[in-house]
Amino acid sequence: EAKASLSLAQAQHALQLQQAKAQINNMVPKKQFEQLQNTLREEQC
C-alpha cells in the first residue's frame, strides 16, 4: 500500500511538473510561475 501511495504521489508530481513546464512554455506570467514553483516545492516536500 505504501509503495502504491508513493507511486501515485510520484505520478501526480510528474504530472504537475509536466503541467508546470507546459505552462512555462506557454509563457506563463512570472507571478503564476512563482506560484507554481511554490506548489511544486510543497508537493516535493
PDB file of all heavy atoms in Angstrom:
ATOM      1  N   GLU A   1       0.835  -1.203   0.000  1.00  0.00           N
ATOM      2  CA  GLU A   1       0.000   0.000   0.000  1.00  0.00           C
ATOM      3  C   GLU A   1       0.870   1.254   0.000  1.00  0.00           C
ATOM      4  O   GLU A   1       0.590   2.232  -0.702  1.00  0.00           O
ATOM      5  CB  GLU A   1      -0.912  -0.005   1.225  1.00  0.00           C
ATOM      6  CG  GLU A   1      -2.040  -1.011   1.155  1.00  0.00           C
ATOM      7  CD  GLU A   1      -2.859  -1.048   2.447  1.00  0.00           C
ATOM      8  OE1 GLU A   1      -2.660  -0.178   3.327  1.00  0.00           O
ATOM      9  OE2 GLU A   1      -3.708  -1.947   2.563  1.00  0.00           O
ATOM     10  N   ALA A   2       1.919   1.194   0.803  1.00  0.00           N
ATOM     11  CA  ALA A   2       2.811   2.345   0.887  1.00  0.00           C
ATOM     12  C   ALA A   2       3.489   2.591  -0.452  1.00  0.00           C
ATOM     13  O   ALA A   2       3.607   3.745  -0.916  1.00  0.00           O
ATOM     14  CB  ALA A   2       3.854   2.124   1.971  1.00  0.00           C
ATOM     15  N   LYS A   3       3.938   1.502  -1.105  1.00  0.00           N
ATOM     16  CA  LYS A   3       4.579   1.654  -2.424  1.00  0.00           C
ATOM     17  C   LYS A   3       3.595   2.215  -3.443  1.00  0.00           C
ATOM     18  O   LYS A   3       3.950   3.057  -4.275  1.00  0.00           O
ATOM     19  CB  LYS A   3       5.132   0.308  -2.894  1.00  0.00           C
ATOM     20  CG  LYS A   3       6.391  -0.116  -2.197  1.00  0.00           C
ATOM     21  CD  LYS A   3       6.914  -1.416  -2.764  1.00  0.00           C
ATOM     22  CE  LYS A   3       8.218  -1.815  -2.095  1.00  0.00           C
ATOM     23  NZ  LYS A   3       8.750  -3.065  -2.636  1.00  0.00           N
ATOM     24  N   ALA A   4       2.351   1.757  -3.363  1.00  0.00           N
ATOM     25  CA  ALA A   4       1.324   2.237  -4.289  1.00  0.00           C
ATOM     26  C   ALA A   4       1.073   3.724  -4.065  1.00  0.00           C
ATOM     27  O   ALA A   4       0.957   4.509  -5.022  1.00  0.00           O
ATOM     28  CB  ALA A   4       0.032   1.430  -4.112  1.00  0.00           C
ATOM     29  N   SER A   5       1.007   4.122  -2.788  1.00  0.00           N
ATOM     30  CA  SER A   5       0.801   5.543  -2.474  1.00  0.00           C
ATOM     31  C   SER A   5       1.968   6.371  -2.984  1.00  0.00           C
ATOM     32  O   SER A   5       1.787   7.480  -3.528  1.00  0.00           O
ATOM     33  CB  SER A   5       0.659   5.746  -0.967  1.00  0.00           C
ATOM     34  OG  SER A   5      -0.474   5.077  -0.492  1.00  0.00           O
ATOM     35  N   LEU A   6       3.181   5.845  -2.807  1.00  0.00           N
ATOM     36  CA  LEU A   6       4.377   6.549  -3.270  1.00  0.00           C
ATOM     37  C   LEU A   6       4.348   6.696  -4.793  1.00  0.00           C
ATOM     38  O   LEU A   6       4.623   7.775  -5.326  1.00  0.00           O
ATOM     39  CB  LEU A   6       5.633   5.797  -2.822  1.00  0.00           C
ATOM     40  CG  LEU A   6       6.966   6.423  -3.238  1.00  0.00           C
ATOM     41  CD1 LEU A   6       7.118   7.814  -2.644  1.00  0.00           C
ATOM     42  CD2 LEU A   6       8.126   5.529  -2.800  1.00  0.00           C
ATOM     43  N   SER A   7       4.003   5.594  -5.469  1.00  0.00           N
ATOM     44  CA  SER A   7       3.940   5.643  -6.938  1.00  0.00           C
ATOM     45  C   SER A   7       2.896   6.657  -7.405  1.00  0.00           C
ATOM     46  O   SER A   7       3.121   7.423  -8.349  1.00  0.00           O
ATOM     47  CB  SER A   7       3.598   4.262  -7.504  1.00  0.00           C
ATOM     48  OG  SER A   7       4.614   3.361  -7.203  1.00  0.00           O
ATOM     49  N   LEU A   8       1.755   6.680  -6.719  1.00  0.00           N
ATOM     50  CA  LEU A   8       0.698   7.629  -7.072  1.00  0.00           C
ATOM     51  C   LEU A   8       1.177   9.061  -6.856  1.00  0.00           C
ATOM     52  O   LEU A   8       0.983   9.937  -7.723  1.00  0.00           O
ATOM     53  CB  LEU A   8      -0.551   7.344  -6.218  1.00  0.00           C
ATOM     54  CG  LEU A   8      -1.753   8.244  -6.481  1.00  0.00           C
ATOM     55  CD1 LEU A   8      -2.266   8.041  -7.911  1.00  0.00           C
ATOM     56  CD2 LEU A   8      -2.857   7.960  -5.478  1.00  0.00           C
ATOM     57  N   ALA A   9       1.853   9.299  -5.712  1.00  0.00           N
ATOM     58  CA  ALA A   9       2.353  10.646  -5.427  1.00  0.00           C
ATOM     59  C   ALA A   9       3.399  11.053  -6.463  1.00  0.00           C
ATOM     60  O   ALA A   9       3.423  12.205  -6.932  1.00  0.00           O
ATOM     61  CB  ALA A   9       2.941  10.696  -4.021  1.00  0.00           C
ATOM     62  N   GLN A  10       4.268  10.102  -6.851  1.00  0.00           N
ATOM     63  CA  GLN A  10       5.297  10.409  -7.856  1.00  0.00           C
ATOM     64  C   GLN A  10       4.643  10.715  -9.206  1.00  0.00           C
ATOM     65  O   GLN A  10       5.071  11.633  -9.928  1.00  0.00           O
ATOM     66  CB  GLN A  10       6.285   9.236  -7.973  1.00  0.00           C
ATOM     67  CG  GLN A  10       7.232   9.146  -6.794  1.00  0.00           C
ATOM     68  CD  GLN A  10       8.123   7.909  -6.858  1.00  0.00           C
ATOM     69  OE1 GLN A  10       7.799   6.946  -7.532  1.00  0.00           O
ATOM     70  NE2 GLN A  10       9.241   7.947  -6.123  1.00  0.00           N
ATOM     71  N   ALA A  11       3.596   9.949  -9.526  1.00  0.00           N
ATOM     72  CA  ALA A  11       2.908  10.192 -10.806  1.00  0.00           C
ATOM     73  C   ALA A  11       2.245  11.573 -10.796  1.00  0.00           C
ATOM     74  O   ALA A  11       2.312  12.321 -11.788  1.00  0.00           O
ATOM     75  CB  ALA A  11       1.869   9.091 -11.050  1.00  0.00           C
ATOM     76  N   GLN A  12       1.618  11.899  -9.667  1.00  0.00           N
ATOM     77  CA  GLN A  12       0.993  13.216  -9.550  1.00  0.00           C
ATOM     78  C   GLN A  12       2.049  14.322  -9.662  1.00  0.00           C
ATOM     79  O   GLN A  12       1.843  15.341 -10.318  1.00  0.00           O
ATOM     80  CB  GLN A  12       0.248  13.337  -8.216  1.00  0.00           C
ATOM     81  CG  GLN A  12      -1.034  12.536  -8.144  1.00  0.00           C
ATOM     82  CD  GLN A  12      -1.675  12.594  -6.762  1.00  0.00           C
ATOM     83  OE1 GLN A  12      -1.031  13.007  -5.792  1.00  0.00           O
ATOM     84  NE2 GLN A  12      -2.930  12.165  -6.675  1.00  0.00           N
ATOM     85  N   HIS A  13       3.170  14.058  -8.996  1.00  0.00           N
ATOM     86  CA  HIS A  13       4.266  15.030  -9.028  1.00  0.00           C
ATOM     87  C   HIS A  13       4.768  15.217 -10.470  1.00  0.00           C
ATOM     88  O   HIS A  13       4.971  16.350 -10.929  1.00  0.00           O
ATOM     89  CB  HIS A  13       5.391  14.538  -8.110  1.00  0.00           C
ATOM     90  CG  HIS A  13       6.628  15.374  -8.166  1.00  0.00           C
ATOM     91  ND1 HIS A  13       6.678  16.664  -7.673  1.00  0.00           N
ATOM     92  CD2 HIS A  13       7.867  15.118  -8.659  1.00  0.00           C
ATOM     93  CE1 HIS A  13       7.889  17.148  -7.857  1.00  0.00           C
ATOM     94  NE2 HIS A  13       8.637  16.221  -8.462  1.00  0.00           N
ATOM     95  N   ALA A  14       4.955  14.109 -11.172  1.00  0.00           N
ATOM     96  CA  ALA A  14       5.431  14.180 -12.563  1.00  0.00           C
ATOM     97  C   ALA A  14       4.426  14.912 -13.440  1.00  0.00           C
ATOM     98  O   ALA A  14       4.792  15.735 -14.296  1.00  0.00           O
ATOM     99  CB  ALA A  14       5.683  12.769 -13.099  1.00  0.00           C
ATOM    100  N   LEU A  15       3.152  14.629 -13.202  1.00  0.00           N
ATOM    101  CA  LEU A  15       2.100  15.298 -13.979  1.00  0.00           C
ATOM    102  C   LEU A  15       2.101  16.801 -13.710  1.00  0.00           C
ATOM    103  O   LEU A  15       2.030  17.615 -14.652  1.00  0.00           O
ATOM    104  CB  LEU A  15       0.735  14.700 -13.618  1.00  0.00           C
ATOM    105  CG  LEU A  15      -0.471  15.230 -14.385  1.00  0.00           C
ATOM    106  CD1 LEU A  15      -0.341  14.908 -15.886  1.00  0.00           C
ATOM    107  CD2 LEU A  15      -1.751  14.637 -13.829  1.00  0.00           C
ATOM    108  N   GLN A  16       2.226  17.148 -12.431  1.00  0.00           N
ATOM    109  CA  GLN A  16       2.254  18.568 -12.093  1.00  0.00           C
ATOM    110  C   GLN A  16       3.483  19.253 -12.691  1.00  0.00           C
ATOM    111  O   GLN A  16       3.425  20.393 -13.128  1.00  0.00           O
ATOM    112  CB  GLN A  16       2.226  18.750 -10.577  1.00  0.00           C
ATOM    113  CG  GLN A  16       0.869  18.417  -9.961  1.00  0.00           C
ATOM    114  CD  GLN A  16       0.898  18.463  -8.446  1.00  0.00           C
ATOM    115  OE1 GLN A  16       1.970  18.594  -7.852  1.00  0.00           O
ATOM    116  NE2 GLN A  16      -0.273  18.348  -7.834  1.00  0.00           N
ATOM    117  N   LEU A  17       4.602  18.499 -12.692  1.00  0.00           N
ATOM    118  CA  LEU A  17       5.825  19.046 -13.283  1.00  0.00           C
ATOM    119  C   LEU A  17       5.625  19.305 -14.777  1.00  0.00           C
ATOM    120  O   LEU A  17       6.008  20.365 -15.291  1.00  0.00           O
ATOM    121  CB  LEU A  17       6.982  18.071 -13.040  1.00  0.00           C
ATOM    122  CG  LEU A  17       8.378  18.561 -13.400  1.00  0.00           C
ATOM    123  CD1 LEU A  17       8.751  19.821 -12.611  1.00  0.00           C
ATOM    124  CD2 LEU A  17       9.409  17.474 -13.142  1.00  0.00           C
ATOM    125  N   GLN A  18       5.012  18.317 -15.435  1.00  0.00           N
ATOM    126  CA  GLN A  18       4.742  18.499 -16.876  1.00  0.00           C
ATOM    127  C   GLN A  18       3.806  19.683 -17.109  1.00  0.00           C
ATOM    128  O   GLN A  18       4.006  20.480 -18.032  1.00  0.00           O
ATOM    129  CB  GLN A  18       4.098  17.229 -17.460  1.00  0.00           C
ATOM    130  CG  GLN A  18       5.089  16.127 -17.736  1.00  0.00           C
ATOM    131  CD  GLN A  18       4.400  14.897 -18.321  1.00  0.00           C
ATOM    132  OE1 GLN A  18       3.201  14.705 -18.138  1.00  0.00           O
ATOM    133  NE2 GLN A  18       5.172  14.072 -19.017  1.00  0.00           N
ATOM    134  N   GLN A  19       2.810  19.766 -16.234  1.00  0.00           N
ATOM    135  CA  GLN A  19       1.872  20.889 -16.380  1.00  0.00           C
ATOM    136  C   GLN A  19       2.604  22.224 -16.178  1.00  0.00           C
ATOM    137  O   GLN A  19       2.374  23.198 -16.900  1.00  0.00           O
ATOM    138  CB  GLN A  19       0.725  20.752 -15.378  1.00  0.00           C
ATOM    139  CG  GLN A  19      -0.256  19.653 -15.716  1.00  0.00           C
ATOM    140  CD  GLN A  19      -1.296  19.448 -14.609  1.00  0.00           C
ATOM    141  OE1 GLN A  19      -1.174  19.995 -13.514  1.00  0.00           O
ATOM    142  NE2 GLN A  19      -2.315  18.650 -14.919  1.00  0.00           N
ATOM    143  N   ALA A  20       3.487  22.237 -15.190  1.00  0.00           N
ATOM    144  CA  ALA A  20       4.230  23.475 -14.921  1.00  0.00           C
ATOM    145  C   ALA A  20       5.107  23.845 -16.099  1.00  0.00           C
ATOM    146  O   ALA A  20       5.174  25.012 -16.514  1.00  0.00           O
ATOM    147  CB  ALA A  20       5.057  23.311 -13.657  1.00  0.00           C
ATOM    148  N   LYS A  21       5.781  22.805 -16.666  1.00  0.00           N
ATOM    149  CA  LYS A  21       6.639  23.075 -17.827  1.00  0.00           C
ATOM    150  C   LYS A  21       5.813  23.559 -19.014  1.00  0.00           C
ATOM    151  O   LYS A  21       6.217  24.462 -19.751  1.00  0.00           O
ATOM    152  CB  LYS A  21       7.410  21.808 -18.209  1.00  0.00           C
ATOM    153  CG  LYS A  21       8.566  21.505 -17.281  1.00  0.00           C
ATOM    154  CD  LYS A  21       9.322  20.259 -17.731  1.00  0.00           C
ATOM    155  CE  LYS A  21      10.464  19.948 -16.788  1.00  0.00           C
ATOM    156  NZ  LYS A  21      11.176  18.730 -17.159  1.00  0.00           N
ATOM    157  N   ALA A  22       4.655  22.931 -19.176  1.00  0.00           N
ATOM    158  CA  ALA A  22       3.786  23.330 -20.291  1.00  0.00           C
ATOM    159  C   ALA A  22       3.332  24.778 -20.110  1.00  0.00           C
ATOM    160  O   ALA A  22       3.281  25.558 -21.069  1.00  0.00           O
ATOM    161  CB  ALA A  22       2.581  22.397 -20.375  1.00  0.00           C
ATOM    162  N   GLN A  23       3.017  25.118 -18.871  1.00  0.00           N
ATOM    163  CA  GLN A  23       2.589  26.490 -18.617  1.00  0.00           C
ATOM    164  C   GLN A  23       3.738  27.463 -18.841  1.00  0.00           C
ATOM    165  O   GLN A  23       3.548  28.573 -19.332  1.00  0.00           O
ATOM    166  CB  GLN A  23       2.055  26.611 -17.186  1.00  0.00           C
ATOM    167  CG  GLN A  23       0.687  25.960 -17.021  1.00  0.00           C
ATOM    168  CD  GLN A  23       0.207  26.017 -15.584  1.00  0.00           C
ATOM    169  OE1 GLN A  23       0.930  26.452 -14.693  1.00  0.00           O
ATOM    170  NE2 GLN A  23      -1.038  25.574 -15.372  1.00  0.00           N
ATOM    171  N   ILE A  24       4.969  27.027 -18.434  1.00  0.00           N
ATOM    172  CA  ILE A  24       6.125  27.893 -18.654  1.00  0.00           C
ATOM    173  C   ILE A  24       6.331  28.080 -20.142  1.00  0.00           C
ATOM    174  O   ILE A  24       6.616  29.177 -20.614  1.00  0.00           O
ATOM    175  CB  ILE A  24       7.385  27.315 -17.977  1.00  0.00           C
ATOM    176  CG1 ILE A  24       7.253  27.421 -16.464  1.00  0.00           C
ATOM    177  CG2 ILE A  24       8.647  27.991 -18.455  1.00  0.00           C
ATOM    178  CD1 ILE A  24       8.344  26.721 -15.699  1.00  0.00           C
ATOM    179  N   ASN A  25       6.194  26.948 -20.869  1.00  0.00           N
ATOM    180  CA  ASN A  25       6.363  27.017 -22.321  1.00  0.00           C
ATOM    181  C   ASN A  25       5.302  27.910 -22.955  1.00  0.00           C
ATOM    182  O   ASN A  25       5.524  28.508 -24.005  1.00  0.00           O
ATOM    183  CB  ASN A  25       6.310  25.618 -22.953  1.00  0.00           C
ATOM    184  CG  ASN A  25       7.567  24.831 -22.640  1.00  0.00           C
ATOM    185  OD1 ASN A  25       8.599  25.425 -22.317  1.00  0.00           O
ATOM    186  ND2 ASN A  25       7.485  23.511 -22.721  1.00  0.00           N
ATOM    187  N   ASN A  26       4.159  27.975 -22.345  1.00  0.00           N
ATOM    188  CA  ASN A  26       3.093  28.837 -22.882  1.00  0.00           C
ATOM    189  C   ASN A  26       3.227  30.274 -22.361  1.00  0.00           C
ATOM    190  O   ASN A  26       2.288  31.041 -22.383  1.00  0.00           O
ATOM    191  CB  ASN A  26       1.721  28.287 -22.494  1.00  0.00           C
ATOM    192  CG  ASN A  26       1.412  27.004 -23.217  1.00  0.00           C
ATOM    193  OD1 ASN A  26       1.941  26.784 -24.305  1.00  0.00           O
ATOM    194  ND2 ASN A  26       0.588  26.172 -22.627  1.00  0.00           N
ATOM    195  N   MET A  27       4.376  30.588 -21.896  1.00  0.00           N
ATOM    196  CA  MET A  27       4.694  31.938 -21.438  1.00  0.00           C
ATOM    197  C   MET A  27       3.792  32.350 -20.280  1.00  0.00           C
ATOM    198  O   MET A  27       3.010  33.285 -20.371  1.00  0.00           O
ATOM    199  CB  MET A  27       4.564  32.946 -22.577  1.00  0.00           C
ATOM    200  CG  MET A  27       5.487  32.682 -23.742  1.00  0.00           C
ATOM    201  SD  MET A  27       7.215  32.699 -23.278  1.00  0.00           S
ATOM    202  CE  MET A  27       7.521  34.407 -23.147  1.00  0.00           C
ATOM    203  N   VAL A  28       3.942  31.562 -19.214  1.00  0.00           N
ATOM    204  CA  VAL A  28       3.164  31.838 -18.016  1.00  0.00           C
ATOM    205  C   VAL A  28       3.717  33.094 -17.373  1.00  0.00           C
ATOM    206  O   VAL A  28       4.925  33.298 -17.320  1.00  0.00           O
ATOM    207  CB  VAL A  28       3.287  30.647 -17.040  1.00  0.00           C
ATOM    208  CG1 VAL A  28       2.574  30.910 -15.747  1.00  0.00           C
ATOM    209  CG2 VAL A  28       2.790  29.379 -17.692  1.00  0.00           C
ATOM    210  N   PRO A  29       2.865  33.912 -16.824  1.00  0.00           N
ATOM    211  CA  PRO A  29       3.348  35.112 -16.156  1.00  0.00           C
ATOM    212  C   PRO A  29       4.205  34.747 -14.934  1.00  0.00           C
ATOM    213  O   PRO A  29       4.066  33.672 -14.360  1.00  0.00           O
ATOM    214  CB  PRO A  29       2.082  35.825 -15.723  1.00  0.00           C
ATOM    215  CG  PRO A  29       0.967  35.207 -16.475  1.00  0.00           C
ATOM    216  CD  PRO A  29       1.431  33.881 -16.921  1.00  0.00           C
ATOM    217  N   LYS A  30       5.095  35.650 -14.579  1.00  0.00           N
ATOM    218  CA  LYS A  30       6.074  35.406 -13.531  1.00  0.00           C
ATOM    219  C   LYS A  30       5.405  35.077 -12.197  1.00  0.00           C
ATOM    220  O   LYS A  30       5.825  34.155 -11.494  1.00  0.00           O
ATOM    221  CB  LYS A  30       6.980  36.634 -13.376  1.00  0.00           C
ATOM    222  CG  LYS A  30       8.113  36.403 -12.424  1.00  0.00           C
ATOM    223  CD  LYS A  30       9.040  37.579 -12.391  1.00  0.00           C
ATOM    224  CE  LYS A  30      10.188  37.272 -11.449  1.00  0.00           C
ATOM    225  NZ  LYS A  30      11.140  38.337 -11.383  1.00  0.00           N
ATOM    226  N   LYS A  31       4.352  35.775 -11.874  1.00  0.00           N
ATOM    227  CA  LYS A  31       3.665  35.547 -10.606  1.00  0.00           C
ATOM    228  C   LYS A  31       3.079  34.135 -10.568  1.00  0.00           C
ATOM    229  O   LYS A  31       3.200  33.409  -9.586  1.00  0.00           O
ATOM    230  CB  LYS A  31       2.566  36.599 -10.419  1.00  0.00           C
ATOM    231  CG  LYS A  31       1.976  36.610  -9.040  1.00  0.00           C
ATOM    232  CD  LYS A  31       1.046  37.797  -8.894  1.00  0.00           C
ATOM    233  CE  LYS A  31       0.587  37.886  -7.457  1.00  0.00           C
ATOM    234  NZ  LYS A  31      -0.292  38.990  -7.215  1.00  0.00           N
ATOM    235  N   GLN A  32       2.489  33.749 -11.653  1.00  0.00           N
ATOM    236  CA  GLN A  32       1.907  32.412 -11.750  1.00  0.00           C
ATOM    237  C   GLN A  32       3.012  31.355 -11.723  1.00  0.00           C
ATOM    238  O   GLN A  32       2.870  30.292 -11.110  1.00  0.00           O
ATOM    239  CB  GLN A  32       1.110  32.303 -13.048  1.00  0.00           C
ATOM    240  CG  GLN A  32      -0.048  31.350 -12.934  1.00  0.00           C
ATOM    241  CD  GLN A  32      -0.912  31.414 -14.192  1.00  0.00           C
ATOM    242  OE1 GLN A  32      -0.600  32.084 -15.169  1.00  0.00           O
ATOM    243  NE2 GLN A  32      -2.006  30.699 -14.128  1.00  0.00           N
ATOM    244  N   PHE A  33       4.141  31.664 -12.362  1.00  0.00           N
ATOM    245  CA  PHE A  33       5.275  30.751 -12.392  1.00  0.00           C
ATOM    246  C   PHE A  33       5.812  30.545 -10.976  1.00  0.00           C
ATOM    247  O   PHE A  33       6.094  29.418 -10.563  1.00  0.00           O
ATOM    248  CB  PHE A  33       6.364  31.312 -13.319  1.00  0.00           C
ATOM    249  CG  PHE A  33       7.599  30.460 -13.345  1.00  0.00           C
ATOM    250  CD1 PHE A  33       7.599  29.226 -14.007  1.00  0.00           C
ATOM    251  CD2 PHE A  33       8.767  30.871 -12.695  1.00  0.00           C
ATOM    252  CE1 PHE A  33       8.733  28.447 -14.019  1.00  0.00           C
ATOM    253  CE2 PHE A  33       9.893  30.078 -12.703  1.00  0.00           C
ATOM    254  CZ  PHE A  33       9.892  28.869 -13.380  1.00  0.00           C
ATOM    255  N   GLU A  34       5.921  31.635 -10.217  1.00  0.00           N
ATOM    256  CA  GLU A  34       6.390  31.536  -8.844  1.00  0.00           C
ATOM    257  C   GLU A  34       5.409  30.721  -7.996  1.00  0.00           C
ATOM    258  O   GLU A  34       5.797  29.909  -7.148  1.00  0.00           O
ATOM    259  CB  GLU A  34       6.574  32.936  -8.238  1.00  0.00           C
ATOM    260  CG  GLU A  34       7.775  33.653  -8.786  1.00  0.00           C
ATOM    261  CD  GLU A  34       7.849  35.108  -8.307  1.00  0.00           C
ATOM    262  OE1 GLU A  34       6.933  35.561  -7.583  1.00  0.00           O
ATOM    263  OE2 GLU A  34       8.827  35.775  -8.663  1.00  0.00           O
ATOM    264  N   GLN A  35       4.149  30.931  -8.270  1.00  0.00           N
ATOM    265  CA  GLN A  35       3.104  30.186  -7.553  1.00  0.00           C
ATOM    266  C   GLN A  35       3.240  28.680  -7.841  1.00  0.00           C
ATOM    267  O   GLN A  35       3.167  27.835  -6.944  1.00  0.00           O
ATOM    268  CB  GLN A  35       1.720  30.680  -8.021  1.00  0.00           C
ATOM    269  CG  GLN A  35       0.818  31.040  -6.889  1.00  0.00           C
ATOM    270  CD  GLN A  35      -0.513  31.577  -7.425  1.00  0.00           C
ATOM    271  OE1 GLN A  35      -0.751  31.677  -8.634  1.00  0.00           O
ATOM    272  NE2 GLN A  35      -1.372  31.946  -6.512  1.00  0.00           N
ATOM    273  N   LEU A  36       3.465  28.413  -9.099  1.00  0.00           N
ATOM    274  CA  LEU A  36       3.633  27.000  -9.498  1.00  0.00           C
ATOM    275  C   LEU A  36       4.894  26.399  -8.862  1.00  0.00           C
ATOM    276  O   LEU A  36       4.896  25.246  -8.447  1.00  0.00           O
ATOM    277  CB  LEU A  36       3.707  26.872 -11.026  1.00  0.00           C
ATOM    278  CG  LEU A  36       2.382  27.014 -11.758  1.00  0.00           C
ATOM    279  CD1 LEU A  36       2.598  27.052 -13.257  1.00  0.00           C
ATOM    280  CD2 LEU A  36       1.446  25.862 -11.395  1.00  0.00           C
ATOM    281  N   GLN A  37       5.963  27.201  -8.815  1.00  0.00           N
ATOM    282  CA  GLN A  37       7.191  26.716  -8.186  1.00  0.00           C
ATOM    283  C   GLN A  37       6.949  26.432  -6.702  1.00  0.00           C
ATOM    284  O   GLN A  37       7.424  25.427  -6.159  1.00  0.00           O
ATOM    285  CB  GLN A  37       8.313  27.741  -8.344  1.00  0.00           C
ATOM    286  CG  GLN A  37       9.024  27.638  -9.666  1.00  0.00           C
ATOM    287  CD  GLN A  37      10.218  28.587  -9.733  1.00  0.00           C
ATOM    288  OE1 GLN A  37      10.181  29.685  -9.155  1.00  0.00           O
ATOM    289  NE2 GLN A  37      11.259  28.168 -10.430  1.00  0.00           N
ATOM    290  N   ASN A  38       6.227  27.318  -6.031  1.00  0.00           N
ATOM    291  CA  ASN A  38       5.893  27.108  -4.616  1.00  0.00           C
ATOM    292  C   ASN A  38       5.057  25.835  -4.439  1.00  0.00           C
ATOM    293  O   ASN A  38       5.319  25.022  -3.532  1.00  0.00           O
ATOM    294  CB  ASN A  38       5.133  28.310  -4.043  1.00  0.00           C
ATOM    295  CG  ASN A  38       6.035  29.515  -3.835  1.00  0.00           C
ATOM    296  OD1 ASN A  38       7.258  29.353  -3.708  1.00  0.00           O
ATOM    297  ND2 ASN A  38       5.466  30.696  -3.810  1.00  0.00           N
ATOM    298  N   THR A  39       4.099  25.686  -5.309  1.00  0.00           N
ATOM    299  CA  THR A  39       3.255  24.474  -5.260  1.00  0.00           C
ATOM    300  C   THR A  39       4.110  23.239  -5.490  1.00  0.00           C
ATOM    301  O   THR A  39       3.964  22.221  -4.809  1.00  0.00           O
ATOM    302  CB  THR A  39       2.140  24.556  -6.331  1.00  0.00           C
ATOM    303  OG1 THR A  39       1.389  25.757  -6.152  1.00  0.00           O
ATOM    304  CG2 THR A  39       1.218  23.358  -6.249  1.00  0.00           C
ATOM    305  N   LEU A  40       5.047  23.359  -6.472  1.00  0.00           N
ATOM    306  CA  LEU A  40       5.944  22.245  -6.768  1.00  0.00           C
ATOM    307  C   LEU A  40       6.801  21.911  -5.556  1.00  0.00           C
ATOM    308  O   LEU A  40       6.955  20.741  -5.196  1.00  0.00           O
ATOM    309  CB  LEU A  40       6.828  22.593  -7.977  1.00  0.00           C
ATOM    310  CG  LEU A  40       7.835  21.526  -8.393  1.00  0.00           C
ATOM    311  CD1 LEU A  40       7.133  20.241  -8.813  1.00  0.00           C
ATOM    312  CD2 LEU A  40       8.711  22.043  -9.510  1.00  0.00           C
ATOM    313  N   ARG A  41       7.354  22.940  -4.888  1.00  0.00           N
ATOM    314  CA  ARG A  41       8.169  22.706  -3.699  1.00  0.00           C
ATOM    315  C   ARG A  41       7.335  22.046  -2.594  1.00  0.00           C
ATOM    316  O   ARG A  41       7.800  21.117  -1.918  1.00  0.00           O
ATOM    317  CB  ARG A  41       8.764  24.029  -3.200  1.00  0.00           C
ATOM    318  CG  ARG A  41      10.072  24.367  -3.882  1.00  0.00           C
ATOM    319  CD  ARG A  41      10.774  25.552  -3.218  1.00  0.00           C
ATOM    320  NE  ARG A  41      11.037  26.522  -4.265  1.00  0.00           N
ATOM    321  CZ  ARG A  41      10.432  27.689  -4.443  1.00  0.00           C
ATOM    322  NH1 ARG A  41       9.530  28.116  -3.592  1.00  0.00           N
ATOM    323  NH2 ARG A  41      10.735  28.472  -5.450  1.00  0.00           N
ATOM    324  N   GLU A  42       6.126  22.547  -2.431  1.00  0.00           N
ATOM    325  CA  GLU A  42       5.251  21.956  -1.402  1.00  0.00           C
ATOM    326  C   GLU A  42       4.975  20.483  -1.714  1.00  0.00           C
ATOM    327  O   GLU A  42       5.020  19.623  -0.825  1.00  0.00           O
ATOM    328  CB  GLU A  42       3.922  22.720  -1.330  1.00  0.00           C
ATOM    329  CG  GLU A  42       4.044  24.085  -0.680  1.00  0.00           C
ATOM    330  CD  GLU A  42       2.742  24.894  -0.774  1.00  0.00           C
ATOM    331  OE1 GLU A  42       1.706  24.327  -1.216  1.00  0.00           O
ATOM    332  OE2 GLU A  42       2.762  26.067  -0.398  1.00  0.00           O
ATOM    333  N   GLU A  43       4.711  20.204  -2.974  1.00  0.00           N
ATOM    334  CA  GLU A  43       4.430  18.818  -3.386  1.00  0.00           C
ATOM    335  C   GLU A  43       5.679  17.941  -3.204  1.00  0.00           C
ATOM    336  O   GLU A  43       5.577  16.798  -2.777  1.00  0.00           O
ATOM    337  CB  GLU A  43       3.953  18.762  -4.844  1.00  0.00           C
ATOM    338  CG  GLU A  43       2.551  19.302  -5.066  1.00  0.00           C
ATOM    339  CD  GLU A  43       1.491  18.548  -4.290  1.00  0.00           C
ATOM    340  OE1 GLU A  43       1.573  17.296  -4.196  1.00  0.00           O
ATOM    341  OE2 GLU A  43       0.580  19.194  -3.738  1.00  0.00           O
ATOM    342  N   GLN A  44       6.860  18.525  -3.534  1.00  0.00           N
ATOM    343  CA  GLN A  44       8.105  17.770  -3.337  1.00  0.00           C
ATOM    344  C   GLN A  44       8.321  17.480  -1.847  1.00  0.00           C
ATOM    345  O   GLN A  44       8.740  16.389  -1.468  1.00  0.00           O
ATOM    346  CB  GLN A  44       9.298  18.534  -3.911  1.00  0.00           C
ATOM    347  CG  GLN A  44       9.375  18.495  -5.417  1.00  0.00           C
ATOM    348  CD  GLN A  44      10.513  19.376  -5.957  1.00  0.00           C
ATOM    349  OE1 GLN A  44      10.946  20.325  -5.301  1.00  0.00           O
ATOM    350  NE2 GLN A  44      10.959  19.067  -7.173  1.00  0.00           N
ATOM    351  N   CYS A  45       8.027  18.474  -1.029  1.00  0.00           N
ATOM    352  CA  CYS A  45       8.165  18.320   0.426  1.00  0.00           C
ATOM    353  C   CYS A  45       7.205  17.231   0.923  1.00  0.00           C
ATOM    354  O   CYS A  45       7.585  16.348   1.700  1.00  0.00           O
ATOM    355  CB  CYS A  45       7.878  19.661   1.110  1.00  0.00           C
ATOM    356  SG  CYS A  45       8.435  19.718   2.814  1.00  0.00           S
TER     357      CYS A  45
END
